[in-house]
Protein backbone atom coordinates (compact mmCIF):
# COMPACT_ATOMS: atom_id res chain seq x y z
CA UNK A 1 3.68 28.78 128.68
CA UNK A 2 1.48 28.99 125.44
CA UNK A 3 1.15 25.15 123.42
CA UNK A 4 5.38 25.96 123.25
CA UNK A 5 6.36 23.49 126.32
CA UNK A 6 8.03 24.06 129.73
CA UNK A 7 11.29 26.09 128.76
CA UNK A 8 12.34 29.29 127.34
CA UNK A 9 15.15 30.26 125.40
CA UNK A 10 17.24 32.27 128.26
CA UNK A 11 17.78 31.16 131.93
CA UNK A 12 16.37 32.82 134.75
CA UNK A 13 19.77 34.71 134.91
CA UNK A 14 19.49 35.75 131.16
CA UNK A 15 15.99 37.22 131.91
CA UNK A 16 16.68 39.16 135.64
CA UNK A 17 20.13 40.47 133.69
CA UNK A 18 17.80 41.54 130.90
CA UNK A 19 15.19 43.28 132.85
CA UNK A 20 18.22 44.71 134.98
CA UNK A 21 19.35 46.23 131.40
CA UNK A 22 16.03 47.81 130.59
CA UNK A 23 15.57 48.84 134.42
CA UNK A 24 18.58 49.72 136.26
CA UNK A 25 16.43 51.30 139.30
CA UNK A 26 14.08 48.18 139.09
CA UNK A 27 13.18 47.10 142.54
CA UNK A 28 13.62 42.60 143.08
CA UNK A 29 10.06 42.99 143.30
CA UNK A 30 9.14 44.98 140.52
CA UNK A 31 11.90 42.43 138.42
CA UNK A 32 9.82 39.08 139.95
CA UNK A 33 6.15 39.02 138.02
CA UNK A 34 8.12 40.42 134.96
CA UNK A 35 10.37 37.45 134.75
CA UNK A 36 7.53 35.37 136.29
CA UNK A 37 10.33 34.15 139.36
CA UNK A 38 9.69 34.62 142.89
CA UNK A 39 11.34 37.30 144.50
CA UNK A 40 13.49 35.11 146.50
CA UNK A 41 14.38 33.11 143.57
CA UNK A 42 15.41 37.00 141.97
CA UNK A 43 17.25 38.19 144.95
CA UNK A 44 19.57 34.63 144.67
CA UNK A 45 20.14 35.29 140.92
CA UNK A 46 21.14 39.23 141.70
CA UNK A 47 23.70 37.79 143.95
CA UNK A 48 24.87 35.49 141.23
CA UNK A 49 25.25 38.27 138.87
CA UNK A 50 26.83 40.56 140.94
CA UNK A 51 29.12 37.58 142.16
CA UNK A 52 30.37 36.65 138.38
CA UNK A 53 30.80 40.85 137.88
CA UNK A 54 28.12 40.85 135.90
CA UNK A 55 26.24 43.70 137.04
CA UNK A 56 27.23 45.89 140.26
CA UNK A 57 24.73 47.52 142.58
CA UNK A 58 24.76 50.18 143.92
CA UNK A 59 22.83 52.31 146.81
CA UNK A 60 21.36 55.20 146.15
CA UNK A 61 19.28 57.33 149.33
CA UNK A 62 17.36 54.08 149.90
CA UNK A 63 16.89 52.14 146.75
CA UNK A 64 19.31 50.23 144.76
CA UNK A 65 20.90 51.08 141.55
CA UNK A 66 22.47 48.50 139.42
CA UNK A 67 24.53 48.61 136.25
CA UNK A 68 25.28 45.96 133.46
CA UNK A 69 28.66 45.44 132.59
CA UNK A 70 28.67 44.56 129.39
CA UNK A 71 32.29 43.72 128.52
CA UNK A 72 31.44 40.42 130.49
CA UNK A 73 31.60 37.29 128.56
CA UNK A 74 29.25 34.56 127.99
CA UNK A 75 29.28 31.35 130.73
CA UNK A 76 28.78 28.91 128.05
CA UNK A 77 31.89 27.66 125.93
CA UNK A 78 29.63 27.39 122.67
CA UNK A 79 29.66 31.48 123.16
CA UNK A 80 33.41 31.66 123.85
CA UNK A 81 34.85 34.67 123.45
CA UNK A 82 31.59 36.52 122.91
CA UNK A 83 30.76 39.29 125.18
CA UNK A 84 26.94 39.77 126.85
CA UNK A 85 26.90 43.60 126.22
CA UNK A 86 25.62 43.27 122.16
CA UNK A 87 22.48 40.78 123.20
CA UNK A 88 21.44 43.10 125.82
CA UNK A 89 21.59 45.53 123.85
CA UNK A 90 19.14 43.90 121.00
CA UNK A 91 16.76 42.99 123.64
CA UNK A 92 16.61 45.89 125.11
CA UNK A 93 16.13 47.69 121.94
CA UNK A 94 13.09 45.38 120.80
CA UNK A 95 11.49 45.56 124.32
CA UNK A 96 11.66 49.30 123.90
CA UNK A 97 10.39 49.24 120.44
CA UNK A 98 7.67 46.72 120.82
CA UNK A 99 6.52 49.03 123.93
CA UNK A 100 6.46 52.09 121.87
CA UNK A 101 4.22 50.25 119.05
CA UNK A 102 2.23 48.55 121.35
CA UNK A 103 -1.54 49.89 120.78
CA UNK A 104 -2.96 52.20 123.45
CA UNK A 105 -4.69 50.67 126.45
CA UNK A 106 -8.20 50.11 126.30
CA UNK A 107 -10.58 53.58 127.36
CA UNK A 108 -12.66 52.60 130.41
CA UNK A 109 -16.09 54.60 130.49
CA UNK A 110 -16.51 56.64 133.77
CA UNK A 111 -18.73 55.38 135.88
CA UNK A 112 -21.87 56.80 136.12
CA UNK A 113 -23.27 58.45 139.14
CA UNK A 114 -27.08 58.40 139.95
CA UNK A 115 -28.57 60.93 142.37
CA UNK A 116 -28.55 59.74 145.96
């Protein structure tokens, strides 16, 4: 964390759900570094999210494809009656906008080759 303390606004479950919404074909090993959790923890979270109906998993060949169920409600009573879909839409749209507006990566100079 950058001078902001040791907490984040979203839980691990929230981070994983947002990442799955952004990239439904992501593998556990792809999600793990993005959300800053171990692969084992991400796997447990994916299992929780599936068990509660927030996502469904389908095998497509050797890969897993996730589908987010946006009609599911938030689990805390403070958000009673609210669905996760609008928040996911907002966060994924913001992530897509940020990626589109990001400056291009700096170009590396080609290595100089010297005759042998």
